[in-house]
C-alpha atoms as a PDB file:
ATOM      1  CA  MET A   1     -23.334 -13.722  39.947  1.00  0.00           C
ATOM      2  CA  SER A   2     -20.901 -12.350  37.732  1.00  0.00           C
ATOM      3  CA  ALA A   3     -20.717 -12.409  33.868  1.00  0.00           C
ATOM      4  CA  SER A   4     -18.178 -14.179  32.427  1.00  0.00           C
ATOM      5  CA  VAL A   5     -15.623 -12.167  30.283  1.00  0.00           C
ATOM      6  CA  ALA A   6     -14.117 -13.081  27.220  1.00  0.00           C
ATOM      7  CA  PRO A   7     -10.249 -13.326  27.419  1.00  0.00           C
ATOM      8  CA  TYR A   8      -8.570 -10.187  25.499  1.00  0.00           C
ATOM      9  CA  HIS A   9      -6.767 -11.165  22.483  1.00  0.00           C
ATOM     10  CA  GLU A  10      -4.692  -8.662  20.868  1.00  0.00           C
ATOM     11  CA  HIS A  11      -5.637  -9.914  17.413  1.00  0.00           C
ATOM     12  CA  ASP A  12      -9.234  -8.733  18.088  1.00  0.00           C
ATOM     13  CA  LEU A  13      -8.485  -5.287  17.831  1.00  0.00           C
ATOM     14  CA  ALA A  14      -8.851  -3.333  14.510  1.00  0.00           C
ATOM     15  CA  VAL A  15      -6.378  -1.189  15.458  1.00  0.00           C
ATOM     16  CA  PRO A  16      -2.955  -1.869  13.218  1.00  0.00           C
ATOM     17  CA  ARG A  17       0.239  -3.462  15.331  1.00  0.00           C
ATOM     18  CA  ARG A  18       3.081  -1.494  15.540  1.00  0.00           C
ATOM     19  CA  GLY A  19       4.953  -0.755  12.269  1.00  0.00           C
ATOM     20  CA  GLN A  20       1.489  -1.592  10.101  1.00  0.00           C
ATOM     21  CA  LYS A  21      -0.617   0.836   8.616  1.00  0.00           C
ATOM     22  CA  ALA A  22      -4.587   1.091   8.064  1.00  0.00           C
ATOM     23  CA  ASP A  23      -5.748  -0.175   4.929  1.00  0.00           C
ATOM     24  CA  ASP A  24      -6.760   3.421   3.697  1.00  0.00           C
ATOM     25  CA  ALA A  25      -3.767   4.909   4.823  1.00  0.00           C
ATOM     26  CA  TYR A  26      -1.494   6.789   2.142  1.00  0.00           C
ATOM     27  CA  ARG A  27       2.057   4.992   1.513  1.00  0.00           C
ATOM     28  CA  THR A  28       5.334   6.307   0.543  1.00  0.00           C
ATOM     29  CA  ILE A  29       7.120   4.948  -2.704  1.00  0.00           C
ATOM     30  CA  SER A  30       9.423   2.911  -0.728  1.00  0.00           C
ATOM     31  CA  GLU A  31       6.700   1.366   1.145  1.00  0.00           C
ATOM     32  CA  VAL A  32       4.985   0.546  -2.132  1.00  0.00           C
ATOM     33  CA  ALA A  33       7.863  -0.709  -3.946  1.00  0.00           C
ATOM     34  CA  ASP A  34       8.850  -2.811  -0.937  1.00  0.00           C
ATOM     35  CA  ASP A  35       5.458  -4.484  -1.194  1.00  0.00           C
ATOM     36  CA  LEU A  36       5.729  -5.139  -4.505  1.00  0.00           C
ATOM     37  CA  HIS A  37       9.132  -6.279  -4.511  1.00  0.00           C
ATOM     38  CA  VAL A  38      10.230  -3.421  -7.408  1.00  0.00           C
ATOM     39  CA  ALA A  39      12.672  -0.955  -7.295  1.00  0.00           C
ATOM     40  CA  GLN A  40      11.243   2.607  -6.766  1.00  0.00           C
ATOM     41  CA  HIS A  41      12.703   3.411 -10.482  1.00  0.00           C
ATOM     42  CA  VAL A  42      10.008   1.193 -11.566  1.00  0.00           C
ATOM     43  CA  LEU A  43       7.042   2.750  -9.807  1.00  0.00           C
ATOM     44  CA  ARG A  44       8.122   6.220 -11.308  1.00  0.00           C
ATOM     45  CA  PHE A  45       8.471   4.666 -14.808  1.00  0.00           C
ATOM     46  CA  TRP A  46       4.493   3.350 -14.335  1.00  0.00           C
ATOM     47  CA  GLU A  47       3.757   6.585 -13.380  1.00  0.00           C
ATOM     48  CA  SER A  48       5.122   7.778 -16.842  1.00  0.00           C
ATOM     49  CA  LYS A  49       3.499   5.114 -18.742  1.00  0.00           C
ATOM     50  CA  PHE A  50       0.115   4.575 -17.119  1.00  0.00           C
ATOM     51  CA  LYS A  51      -1.467   8.541 -16.302  1.00  0.00           C
ATOM     52  CA  GLN A  52      -4.114   6.915 -14.071  1.00  0.00           C
ATOM     53  CA  ILE A  53      -1.647   6.251 -11.607  1.00  0.00           C
ATOM     54  CA  GLU A  54      -1.409   9.927  -9.840  1.00  0.00           C
ATOM     55  CA  PRO A  55       0.121   9.636  -6.325  1.00  0.00           C
ATOM     56  CA  LEU A  56       0.201  12.886  -4.102  1.00  0.00           C
ATOM     57  CA  LYS A  57       2.999  14.957  -4.335  1.00  0.00           C
ATOM     58  CA  ARG A  58       4.363  16.914  -1.347  1.00  0.00           C
ATOM     59  CA  ALA A  59       6.932  19.485  -0.933  1.00  0.00           C
ATOM     60  CA  GLY A  60      10.120  18.542  -2.402  1.00  0.00           C
ATOM     61  CA  GLY A  61       8.086  15.865  -4.880  1.00  0.00           C
ATOM     62  CA  ARG A  62       7.621  13.410  -2.189  1.00  0.00           C
ATOM     63  CA  ARG A  63       5.151  10.726  -3.115  1.00  0.00           C
ATOM     64  CA  TYR A  64       2.156   9.300  -1.140  1.00  0.00           C
ATOM     65  CA  TYR A  65       0.156   6.747  -2.765  1.00  0.00           C
ATOM     66  CA  ARG A  66      -3.416   6.508  -2.129  1.00  0.00           C
ATOM     67  CA  PRO A  67      -4.884   2.961  -1.525  1.00  0.00           C
ATOM     68  CA  ALA A  68      -6.598   2.882  -5.128  1.00  0.00           C
ATOM     69  CA  ASP A  69      -3.382   3.966  -6.305  1.00  0.00           C
ATOM     70  CA  VAL A  70      -1.905   0.898  -4.747  1.00  0.00           C
ATOM     71  CA  GLU A  71      -4.761  -1.271  -6.038  1.00  0.00           C
ATOM     72  CA  LEU A  72      -3.672  -0.136  -9.372  1.00  0.00           C
ATOM     73  CA  LEU A  73       0.127  -0.666  -8.922  1.00  0.00           C
ATOM     74  CA  LYS A  74      -0.773  -4.247  -7.783  1.00  0.00           C
ATOM     75  CA  ARG A  75      -2.637  -5.253 -11.131  1.00  0.00           C
ATOM     76  CA  VAL A  76       0.017  -3.630 -13.076  1.00  0.00           C
ATOM     77  CA  HIS A  77       2.466  -5.752 -11.616  1.00  0.00           C
ATOM     78  CA  TYR A  78       0.429  -8.889 -12.048  1.00  0.00           C
ATOM     79  CA  LEU A  79      -0.318  -8.075 -15.504  1.00  0.00           C
ATOM     80  CA  LEU A  80       3.598  -7.674 -16.403  1.00  0.00           C
ATOM     81  CA  TYR A  81       5.409  -9.975 -14.334  1.00  0.00           C
ATOM     82  CA  THR A  82       2.615 -13.188 -13.947  1.00  0.00           C
ATOM     83  CA  GLN A  83       0.533 -12.535 -17.191  1.00  0.00           C
ATOM     84  CA  GLY A  84       3.471 -11.138 -19.146  1.00  0.00           C
ATOM     85  CA  TYR A  85       2.186  -8.407 -20.766  1.00  0.00           C
END
């Protein structure tokens, strides 16, 4: 007798779909700005006001946000836009 095999479902895989990044991937300023629905200059301004936000800067000044940076930015966004601080 053969063992039955469960049907394959694409959503069962832990691999992100095309266009999505893994949770631990670094994100560009445009990706973070799009996720938070703010302009890129807002993120740069927050960097100047909140020293805890320190994205990696590569050649040409290109910013890469770590997952911890993104979480912090989400909290700042929540406090400013939802809580009104």
